[in-house]
């Protein structure tokens, strides 16, 4: 064999080895790219599920806040009602203090006086009846 043939054989063997090594490397890269793609798909699916959960939670929180706003509105309405009622109660209290209270004291005084007079009159009749 001459040197040129040996060189061609060596180059052929080197080319075959290079193709085999390059094929193995490319297959490994392809497998790694497929794994990365799978993991990326899983991550995107998880992200979509998380985004959907956040959207649902956001809707629930908005509903809760709406209920809280209605509750605050009801409390405000109740407070305003109490304030207006307080004015009415203040007027009624003043009327009671200035008009009804003295009238009730006078009625009570009349009743006490009437009771005392009745008691005195009855006592006199009972004493007269005992003397006879």
Protein backbone atom coordinates (compact mmCIF):
# COMPACT_ATOMS: atom_id res chain seq x y z
CA UNK A 1 0.00 0.00 0.00
CA UNK A 2 1.24 3.26 -0.85
CA UNK A 3 1.12 6.30 1.36
CA UNK A 4 -1.67 7.94 -0.53
CA UNK A 5 -3.98 4.95 -0.01
CA UNK A 6 -3.16 4.83 3.70
CA UNK A 7 -3.89 8.54 3.89
CA UNK A 8 -7.24 8.03 2.15
CA UNK A 9 -8.11 5.14 4.46
CA UNK A 10 -7.12 7.20 7.53
CA UNK A 11 -9.14 10.14 6.25
CA UNK A 12 -12.12 7.87 5.60
CA UNK A 13 -11.90 6.31 9.05
CA UNK A 14 -11.54 9.79 10.58
CA UNK A 15 -14.56 11.01 8.61
CA UNK A 16 -16.61 7.98 9.73
CA UNK A 17 -15.53 8.51 13.35
CA UNK A 18 -16.32 12.21 13.01
CA UNK A 19 -19.78 11.44 11.59
CA UNK A 20 -20.45 8.90 14.37
CA UNK A 21 -19.28 11.29 17.11
CA UNK A 22 -21.16 14.18 15.50
CA UNK A 23 -24.32 12.00 15.25
CA UNK A 24 -24.03 11.03 18.92
CA UNK A 25 -23.52 14.67 19.91
CA UNK A 26 -26.45 15.81 17.77
CA UNK A 27 -28.69 13.05 19.19
CA UNK A 28 -27.70 14.10 22.72
CA UNK A 29 -28.40 17.75 21.89
CA UNK A 30 -31.76 16.76 20.38
CA UNK A 31 -32.67 14.75 23.50
CA UNK A 32 -31.68 17.70 25.71
CA UNK A 33 -33.71 20.12 23.56
CA UNK A 34 -36.73 17.77 23.81
CA UNK A 35 -36.35 17.65 27.61
CA UNK A 36 -36.05 21.43 27.76
CA UNK A 37 -39.13 21.77 25.55
CA UNK A 38 -41.09 19.38 27.79
CA UNK A 39 -40.07 21.23 30.93
CA UNK A 40 -40.91 24.55 29.32
CA UNK A 41 -44.36 23.24 28.34
CA UNK A 42 -44.94 22.01 31.89
CA UNK A 43 -43.81 25.34 33.29
CA UNK A 44 -46.11 27.22 30.92
CA UNK A 45 -49.01 24.95 31.89
CA UNK A 46 -48.29 25.58 35.58
CA UNK A 47 -48.07 29.32 34.88
CA UNK A 48 -51.43 29.23 33.07
CA UNK A 49 -53.01 27.33 35.98
CA UNK A 50 -51.56 29.83 38.44
CA UNK A 51 -52.81 32.74 36.33
CA UNK A 52 -56.29 31.16 36.25
CA UNK A 53 -56.22 30.67 40.03
CA UNK A 54 -55.16 34.30 40.48
CA UNK A 55 -58.00 35.41 38.19
CA UNK A 56 -60.53 33.38 40.20
CA UNK A 57 -59.11 34.70 43.47
CA UNK A 58 -59.26 38.23 42.09
CA UNK A 59 -62.93 37.73 41.19
CA UNK A 60 -63.64 36.37 44.69
CA UNK A 61 -61.79 39.29 46.30
CA UNK A 62 -63.75 41.75 44.16
CA UNK A 63 -67.00 40.11 45.25
CA UNK A 64 -65.94 40.28 48.91
CA UNK A 65 -64.98 43.94 48.51
CA UNK A 66 -68.34 44.63 46.88
CA UNK A 67 -70.08 43.01 49.87
CA UNK A 68 -67.91 45.05 52.25
CA UNK A 69 -68.78 48.24 50.38
CA UNK A 70 -72.48 47.39 50.67
CA UNK A 71 -72.01 46.73 54.39
CA UNK A 72 -70.26 50.05 54.85
CA UNK A 73 -73.07 51.75 52.94
CA UNK A 74 -75.63 50.07 55.22
CA UNK A 75 -73.71 51.14 58.33
CA UNK A 76 -73.50 54.69 56.99
CA UNK A 77 -77.23 54.68 56.28
CA UNK A 78 -77.93 53.28 59.77
CA UNK A 79 -75.65 55.92 61.34
CA UNK A 80 -77.43 58.70 59.48
CA UNK A 81 -80.77 57.27 60.64
CA UNK A 82 -79.55 57.19 64.23
CA UNK A 83 -78.34 60.78 63.93
CA UNK A 84 -81.71 61.95 62.62
CA UNK A 85 -83.47 59.91 65.31
CA UNK A 86 -81.18 61.43 67.90
CA UNK A 87 -82.44 64.88 66.96
CA UNK A 88 -86.02 63.68 67.37
CA UNK A 89 -85.19 62.07 70.71
CA UNK A 90 -83.49 65.28 71.86
CA UNK A 91 -86.62 67.26 70.99
CA UNK A 92 -88.84 64.70 72.75
CA UNK A 93 -86.56 64.78 75.81
CA UNK A 94 -86.72 68.56 75.95
CA UNK A 95 -90.50 68.47 75.62
CA UNK A 96 -90.65 65.87 78.40
CA UNK A 97 -88.31 67.87 80.63
CA UNK A 98 -90.10 71.17 80.14
CA UNK A 99 -93.74 70.19 79.77
CA UNK A 100 -94.55 66.62 80.74
CA UNK A 101 -92.20 66.30 83.69
CA UNK A 102 -93.73 69.22 85.63
CA UNK A 103 -97.22 68.03 84.65
CA UNK A 104 -96.41 64.53 85.94
CA UNK A 105 -95.04 66.03 89.16
CA UNK A 106 -98.28 68.03 89.55
CA UNK A 107 -100.42 64.93 88.87
CA UNK A 108 -98.37 62.95 91.37
CA UNK A 109 -98.76 65.75 93.92
CA UNK A 110 -102.53 65.81 93.37
CA UNK A 111 -102.71 62.03 93.78
CA UNK A 112 -100.65 62.16 96.97
CA UNK A 113 -102.84 64.99 98.29
CA UNK A 114 -106.00 63.11 97.31
CA UNK A 115 -104.72 59.98 99.02
CA UNK A 116 -103.86 61.92 102.15
CA UNK A 117 -107.27 63.63 102.17
CA UNK A 118 -109.09 60.35 101.57
CA UNK A 119 -107.07 58.68 104.28
CA UNK A 120 -107.78 61.52 106.68
CA UNK A 121 -111.52 61.52 105.91
CA UNK A 122 -111.78 57.73 106.22
CA UNK A 123 -109.87 57.82 109.47
CA UNK A 124 -112.28 60.41 110.89
CA UNK A 125 -115.32 58.37 109.89
CA UNK A 126 -113.84 55.23 111.37
CA UNK A 127 -113.07 57.04 114.63
CA UNK A 128 -116.58 58.48 114.82
CA UNK A 129 -118.00 55.03 114.21
CA UNK A 130 -115.90 53.61 117.04
CA UNK A 131 -117.13 56.27 119.49
CA UNK A 132 -120.80 55.52 118.92
